[in-house]
Amino acid sequence: MGVAVVACLPACGRDDPKARLEASVGRLQDALEARDVSAAMDLLHDRFRAQGDQDARWARQTMMVMFQRYARVNVVSLGQRIEVDPAPSLTGTIEAQVMVTGAHDLIPERATPYTVRMQWRREGRDWKLYDLRWE
């Protein structure tokens, strides 16, 4: 279970938008590391965009290629800043430094650092990833 999900457990009983957003980010990380395309796709907004012009279909295809290439995928957050818009708390933004590694055995074959900016939209009590950009 992702660290964000564990940290959220006490707060998620209340309607704490920031804790719920942190939990959604943790579920996305868990889905990617478990190589679970379906679980990751469930966290994408219906109008998801990546880098401005890629859509959910592209995201699914990219994950499938990555998961076929690497037996293990790890996503390590090197620091993040989370902001939830004030009431009614319908959008949240996360900026993070992340390292994505892919490996067949114990030693990563690839380790790529990224600066990632994610915009999430709240739907009821759930957060969905709406926009993803990276450098």
C-alpha atoms as a PDB file:
ATOM      1  CA  MET A   1       0.000   0.000   0.000  1.00  0.00           C
ATOM      2  CA  GLY A   2       1.376   3.444  -0.918  1.00  0.00           C
ATOM      3  CA  VAL A   3       2.597   5.757   1.827  1.00  0.00           C
ATOM      4  CA  ALA A   4      -0.036   8.352   0.896  1.00  0.00           C
ATOM      5  CA  VAL A   5      -2.818   5.796   1.295  1.00  0.00           C
ATOM      6  CA  VAL A   6      -1.599   4.762   4.753  1.00  0.00           C
ATOM      7  CA  ALA A   7      -1.243   8.417   5.806  1.00  0.00           C
ATOM      8  CA  CYS A   8      -4.785   9.116   4.648  1.00  0.00           C
ATOM      9  CA  LEU A   9      -6.546   6.368   6.566  1.00  0.00           C
ATOM     10  CA  PRO A  10      -7.342   8.436   9.703  1.00  0.00           C
ATOM     11  CA  ALA A  11      -8.248  11.605   7.767  1.00  0.00           C
ATOM     12  CA  CYS A  12     -10.239   9.991   4.964  1.00  0.00           C
ATOM     13  CA  GLY A  13     -13.077   9.204   7.345  1.00  0.00           C
ATOM     14  CA  ARG A  14     -13.804  12.928   7.238  1.00  0.00           C
ATOM     15  CA  ASP A  15     -14.263  14.845   4.025  1.00  0.00           C
ATOM     16  CA  ASP A  16     -10.665  16.079   3.818  1.00  0.00           C
ATOM     17  CA  PRO A  17     -10.052  16.903   0.132  1.00  0.00           C
ATOM     18  CA  LYS A  18      -6.259  17.121   0.474  1.00  0.00           C
ATOM     19  CA  ALA A  19      -6.019  13.748   2.255  1.00  0.00           C
ATOM     20  CA  ARG A  20      -8.262  12.174  -0.394  1.00  0.00           C
ATOM     21  CA  LEU A  21      -6.095  13.666  -3.151  1.00  0.00           C
ATOM     22  CA  GLU A  22      -2.949  12.294  -1.500  1.00  0.00           C
ATOM     23  CA  ALA A  23      -4.634   8.884  -1.300  1.00  0.00           C
ATOM     24  CA  SER A  24      -5.532   9.019  -5.015  1.00  0.00           C
ATOM     25  CA  VAL A  25      -1.917   9.810  -5.881  1.00  0.00           C
ATOM     26  CA  GLY A  26      -0.871   6.840  -3.733  1.00  0.00           C
ATOM     27  CA  ARG A  27      -3.351   4.575  -5.532  1.00  0.00           C
ATOM     28  CA  LEU A  28      -1.949   5.718  -8.892  1.00  0.00           C
ATOM     29  CA  GLN A  29       1.590   4.947  -7.738  1.00  0.00           C
ATOM     30  CA  ASP A  30       0.464   1.553  -6.413  1.00  0.00           C
ATOM     31  CA  ALA A  31      -1.297   0.756  -9.715  1.00  0.00           C
ATOM     32  CA  LEU A  32       1.782   1.636 -11.761  1.00  0.00           C
ATOM     33  CA  GLU A  33       4.091  -0.395  -9.539  1.00  0.00           C
ATOM     34  CA  ALA A  34       1.646  -3.336  -9.622  1.00  0.00           C
ATOM     35  CA  ARG A  35       1.544  -2.983 -13.425  1.00  0.00           C
ATOM     36  CA  ASP A  36      -2.257  -2.739 -13.165  1.00  0.00           C
ATOM     37  CA  VAL A  37      -3.432  -0.814 -16.240  1.00  0.00           C
ATOM     38  CA  SER A  38      -7.095  -1.078 -15.288  1.00  0.00           C
ATOM     39  CA  ALA A  39      -6.579   0.378 -11.792  1.00  0.00           C
ATOM     40  CA  ALA A  40      -4.494   3.234 -13.209  1.00  0.00           C
ATOM     41  CA  MET A  41      -7.080   3.961 -15.900  1.00  0.00           C
ATOM     42  CA  ASP A  42      -9.831   4.125 -13.249  1.00  0.00           C
ATOM     43  CA  LEU A  43      -8.014   7.151 -11.796  1.00  0.00           C
ATOM     44  CA  LEU A  44      -8.040   9.112 -15.065  1.00  0.00           C
ATOM     45  CA  HIS A  45     -10.679  11.752 -15.730  1.00  0.00           C
ATOM     46  CA  ASP A  46     -12.966  11.222 -18.745  1.00  0.00           C
ATOM     47  CA  ARG A  47     -11.255  14.181 -20.438  1.00  0.00           C
ATOM     48  CA  PHE A  48      -7.689  13.273 -19.390  1.00  0.00           C
ATOM     49  CA  ARG A  49      -4.825  14.929 -21.274  1.00  0.00           C
ATOM     50  CA  ALA A  50      -1.057  14.407 -21.097  1.00  0.00           C
ATOM     51  CA  GLN A  51       1.396  16.986 -22.417  1.00  0.00           C
ATOM     52  CA  GLY A  52      -1.591  18.878 -23.822  1.00  0.00           C
ATOM     53  CA  ASP A  53      -2.434  16.579 -26.721  1.00  0.00           C
ATOM     54  CA  GLN A  54      -2.317  12.956 -25.563  1.00  0.00           C
ATOM     55  CA  ASP A  55      -5.450  11.230 -24.253  1.00  0.00           C
ATOM     56  CA  ALA A  56      -6.413   8.239 -22.120  1.00  0.00           C
ATOM     57  CA  ARG A  57      -5.956   5.867 -25.065  1.00  0.00           C
ATOM     58  CA  TRP A  58      -2.343   7.018 -25.347  1.00  0.00           C
ATOM     59  CA  ALA A  59      -1.912   6.543 -21.566  1.00  0.00           C
ATOM     60  CA  ARG A  60      -3.208   2.955 -21.768  1.00  0.00           C
ATOM     61  CA  GLN A  61      -0.922   2.113 -24.702  1.00  0.00           C
ATOM     62  CA  THR A  62       2.101   3.698 -23.013  1.00  0.00           C
ATOM     63  CA  MET A  63       1.520   1.743 -19.798  1.00  0.00           C
ATOM     64  CA  MET A  64       1.076  -1.521 -21.697  1.00  0.00           C
ATOM     65  CA  VAL A  65       4.356  -1.016 -23.584  1.00  0.00           C
ATOM     66  CA  MET A  66       6.204  -0.080 -20.382  1.00  0.00           C
ATOM     67  CA  PHE A  67       4.791  -3.087 -18.507  1.00  0.00           C
ATOM     68  CA  GLN A  68       5.707  -5.460 -21.341  1.00  0.00           C
ATOM     69  CA  ARG A  69       9.240  -4.117 -21.428  1.00  0.00           C
ATOM     70  CA  TYR A  70       9.925  -4.142 -17.674  1.00  0.00           C
ATOM     71  CA  ALA A  71       9.090  -6.838 -15.133  1.00  0.00           C
ATOM     72  CA  ARG A  72       9.295  -4.255 -12.342  1.00  0.00           C
ATOM     73  CA  VAL A  73       8.355  -0.570 -12.364  1.00  0.00           C
ATOM     74  CA  ASN A  74       9.044   1.750  -9.438  1.00  0.00           C
ATOM     75  CA  VAL A  75       7.932   5.335  -8.984  1.00  0.00           C
ATOM     76  CA  VAL A  76       9.850   7.216  -6.291  1.00  0.00           C
ATOM     77  CA  SER A  77       8.767  10.683  -5.221  1.00  0.00           C
ATOM     78  CA  LEU A  78      11.760  12.846  -4.390  1.00  0.00           C
ATOM     79  CA  GLY A  79       9.538  15.632  -3.064  1.00  0.00           C
ATOM     80  CA  GLN A  80       6.124  17.040  -3.826  1.00  0.00           C
ATOM     81  CA  ARG A  81       3.932  20.060  -3.253  1.00  0.00           C
ATOM     82  CA  ILE A  82       0.164  19.585  -3.079  1.00  0.00           C
ATOM     83  CA  GLU A  83      -2.363  22.395  -3.381  1.00  0.00           C
ATOM     84  CA  VAL A  84      -6.131  22.019  -3.220  1.00  0.00           C
ATOM     85  CA  ASP A  85      -8.192  24.975  -4.343  1.00  0.00           C
ATOM     86  CA  PRO A  86     -10.227  26.483  -1.516  1.00  0.00           C
ATOM     87  CA  ALA A  87     -13.956  25.787  -1.279  1.00  0.00           C
ATOM     88  CA  PRO A  88     -15.522  24.069  -3.030  1.00  0.00           C
ATOM     89  CA  SER A  89     -12.216  22.119  -3.417  1.00  0.00           C
ATOM     90  CA  LEU A  90     -12.892  20.820  -6.916  1.00  0.00           C
ATOM     91  CA  THR A  91      -9.335  20.999  -8.310  1.00  0.00           C
ATOM     92  CA  GLY A  92      -5.971  20.054  -6.913  1.00  0.00           C
ATOM     93  CA  THR A  93      -2.456  20.430  -8.248  1.00  0.00           C
ATOM     94  CA  ILE A  94       0.607  18.381  -7.465  1.00  0.00           C
ATOM     95  CA  GLU A  95       4.121  19.294  -8.506  1.00  0.00           C
ATOM     96  CA  ALA A  96       6.705  16.611  -7.818  1.00  0.00           C
ATOM     97  CA  GLN A  97      10.172  15.441  -8.575  1.00  0.00           C
ATOM     98  CA  VAL A  98       9.923  11.731  -9.364  1.00  0.00           C
ATOM     99  CA  MET A  99      12.259   8.971 -10.430  1.00  0.00           C
ATOM    100  CA  VAL A 100      10.785   6.215 -12.572  1.00  0.00           C
ATOM    101  CA  THR A 101      12.764   3.002 -12.819  1.00  0.00           C
ATOM    102  CA  GLY A 102      12.232  -0.087 -14.907  1.00  0.00           C
ATOM    103  CA  ALA A 103      13.961  -3.419 -14.383  1.00  0.00           C
ATOM    104  CA  HIS A 104      13.877  -7.059 -15.372  1.00  0.00           C
ATOM    105  CA  ASP A 105      15.848  -8.215 -12.347  1.00  0.00           C
ATOM    106  CA  LEU A 106      17.036  -6.480  -9.191  1.00  0.00           C
ATOM    107  CA  ILE A 107      19.133  -3.784 -10.856  1.00  0.00           C
ATOM    108  CA  PRO A 108      17.180  -1.091 -12.741  1.00  0.00           C
ATOM    109  CA  GLU A 109      17.892  -0.944 -16.461  1.00  0.00           C
ATOM    110  CA  ARG A 110      16.492   2.520 -16.669  1.00  0.00           C
ATOM    111  CA  ALA A 111      16.127   5.319 -14.131  1.00  0.00           C
ATOM    112  CA  THR A 112      14.655   8.564 -15.397  1.00  0.00           C
ATOM    113  CA  PRO A 113      14.063  11.681 -13.286  1.00  0.00           C
ATOM    114  CA  TYR A 114      11.095  13.904 -14.129  1.00  0.00           C
ATOM    115  CA  THR A 115       9.512  17.094 -12.904  1.00  0.00           C
ATOM    116  CA  VAL A 116       5.817  16.268 -12.987  1.00  0.00           C
ATOM    117  CA  ARG A 117       2.785  18.552 -12.729  1.00  0.00           C
ATOM    118  CA  MET A 118      -0.582  16.869 -12.253  1.00  0.00           C
ATOM    119  CA  GLN A 119      -3.942  18.578 -12.151  1.00  0.00           C
ATOM    120  CA  TRP A 120      -6.696  16.551 -10.522  1.00  0.00           C
ATOM    121  CA  ARG A 121     -10.448  17.178 -10.545  1.00  0.00           C
ATOM    122  CA  ARG A 122     -12.783  16.114  -7.804  1.00  0.00           C
ATOM    123  CA  GLU A 123     -15.863  14.094  -8.715  1.00  0.00           C
ATOM    124  CA  GLY A 124     -17.960  13.598  -5.616  1.00  0.00           C
ATOM    125  CA  ARG A 125     -15.494  12.304  -3.041  1.00  0.00           C
ATOM    126  CA  ASP A 126     -13.101  10.876  -5.667  1.00  0.00           C
ATOM    127  CA  TRP A 127     -10.202  12.608  -7.398  1.00  0.00           C
ATOM    128  CA  LYS A 128      -9.460  11.929 -11.084  1.00  0.00           C
ATOM    129  CA  LEU A 129      -6.260  12.856 -12.909  1.00  0.00           C
ATOM    130  CA  TYR A 130      -7.246  15.498 -15.444  1.00  0.00           C
ATOM    131  CA  ASP A 131      -3.959  16.865 -16.821  1.00  0.00           C
ATOM    132  CA  LEU A 132      -0.401  15.491 -16.712  1.00  0.00           C
ATOM    133  CA  ARG A 133       2.724  17.330 -17.810  1.00  0.00           C
ATOM    134  CA  TRP A 134       6.389  16.519 -17.309  1.00  0.00           C
ATOM    135  CA  GLU A 135       9.875  17.711 -18.158  1.00  0.00           C
END
